[in-house]
Amino acid sequence: MKSNKYKPSKFVNFSESEF
């Protein structure tokens, strides 16, 4: 799940790491 919609740096790293 790559969320390109939201790009706050913290959430980007978290999202890509988790999913």
PDB file of N, CA and C in Angstrom:
ATOM      1  N   MET A   1       0.837  -1.199   0.000  1.00  0.00           N
ATOM      2  CA  MET A   1       0.000   0.000   0.000  1.00  0.00           C
ATOM      3  C   MET A   1       0.872   1.248   0.000  1.00  0.00           C
ATOM      4  N   LYS A   2       1.021   1.856  -1.143  1.00  0.00           N
ATOM      5  CA  LYS A   2       1.787   3.092  -1.219  1.00  0.00           C
ATOM      6  C   LYS A   2       0.796   4.246  -1.240  1.00  0.00           C
ATOM      7  N   SER A   3       0.814   5.051  -0.189  1.00  0.00           N
ATOM      8  CA  SER A   3      -0.106   6.176  -0.126  1.00  0.00           C
ATOM      9  C   SER A   3       0.583   7.414  -0.655  1.00  0.00           C
ATOM     10  N   ASN A   4       0.403   7.696  -1.922  1.00  0.00           N
ATOM     11  CA  ASN A   4       0.998   8.875  -2.518  1.00  0.00           C
ATOM     12  C   ASN A   4       0.199  10.124  -2.199  1.00  0.00           C
ATOM     13  N   LYS A   5      -1.034   9.942  -1.754  1.00  0.00           N
ATOM     14  CA  LYS A   5      -1.886  11.063  -1.400  1.00  0.00           C
ATOM     15  C   LYS A   5      -1.304  11.821  -0.230  1.00  0.00           C
ATOM     16  N   TYR A   6      -0.995  11.058   0.807  1.00  0.00           N
ATOM     17  CA  TYR A   6      -0.451  11.733   1.958  1.00  0.00           C
ATOM     18  C   TYR A   6       1.038  11.665   1.890  1.00  0.00           C
ATOM     19  N   LYS A   7       1.688  12.799   1.948  1.00  0.00           N
ATOM     20  CA  LYS A   7       3.126  12.771   2.085  1.00  0.00           C
ATOM     21  C   LYS A   7       3.627  13.674   3.178  1.00  0.00           C
ATOM     22  N   PRO A   8       3.273  13.437   4.398  1.00  0.00           N
ATOM     23  CA  PRO A   8       4.073  13.926   5.504  1.00  0.00           C
ATOM     24  C   PRO A   8       5.204  12.920   5.664  1.00  0.00           C
ATOM     25  N   SER A   9       6.401  13.381   5.895  1.00  0.00           N
ATOM     26  CA  SER A   9       7.592  12.531   5.902  1.00  0.00           C
ATOM     27  C   SER A   9       7.460  11.353   6.844  1.00  0.00           C
ATOM     28  N   LYS A  10       6.927  11.588   8.021  1.00  0.00           N
ATOM     29  CA  LYS A  10       6.800  10.550   9.040  1.00  0.00           C
ATOM     30  C   LYS A  10       5.909   9.423   8.562  1.00  0.00           C
ATOM     31  N   PHE A  11       4.754   9.774   8.029  1.00  0.00           N
ATOM     32  CA  PHE A  11       3.808   8.782   7.569  1.00  0.00           C
ATOM     33  C   PHE A  11       4.302   8.036   6.351  1.00  0.00           C
ATOM     34  N   VAL A  12       5.033   8.707   5.485  1.00  0.00           N
ATOM     35  CA  VAL A  12       5.611   8.046   4.318  1.00  0.00           C
ATOM     36  C   VAL A  12       6.542   6.932   4.748  1.00  0.00           C
ATOM     37  N   ASN A  13       7.456   7.216   5.664  1.00  0.00           N
ATOM     38  CA  ASN A  13       8.383   6.208   6.147  1.00  0.00           C
ATOM     39  C   ASN A  13       7.665   5.084   6.866  1.00  0.00           C
ATOM     40  N   PHE A  14       6.714   5.423   7.686  1.00  0.00           N
ATOM     41  CA  PHE A  14       5.946   4.446   8.429  1.00  0.00           C
ATOM     42  C   PHE A  14       5.150   3.548   7.490  1.00  0.00           C
ATOM     43  N   SER A  15       4.435   4.157   6.557  1.00  0.00           N
ATOM     44  CA  SER A  15       3.588   3.402   5.635  1.00  0.00           C
ATOM     45  C   SER A  15       4.392   2.430   4.797  1.00  0.00           C
ATOM     46  N   GLU A  16       5.475   2.886   4.213  1.00  0.00           N
ATOM     47  CA  GLU A  16       6.287   2.034   3.367  1.00  0.00           C
ATOM     48  C   GLU A  16       6.959   0.924   4.152  1.00  0.00           C
ATOM     49  N   SER A  17       7.363   1.229   5.380  1.00  0.00           N
ATOM     50  CA  SER A  17       7.981   0.203   6.217  1.00  0.00           C
ATOM     51  C   SER A  17       6.978  -0.863   6.634  1.00  0.00           C
ATOM     52  N   GLU A  18       5.812  -0.450   7.069  1.00  0.00           N
ATOM     53  CA  GLU A  18       4.785  -1.371   7.527  1.00  0.00           C
ATOM     54  C   GLU A  18       4.180  -2.161   6.379  1.00  0.00           C
ATOM     55  N   PHE A  19       3.769  -1.462   5.338  1.00  0.00           N
ATOM     56  CA  PHE A  19       3.105  -2.082   4.209  1.00  0.00           C
ATOM     57  C   PHE A  19       4.062  -2.168   3.043  1.00  0.00           C
TER      58      PHE A  19
END
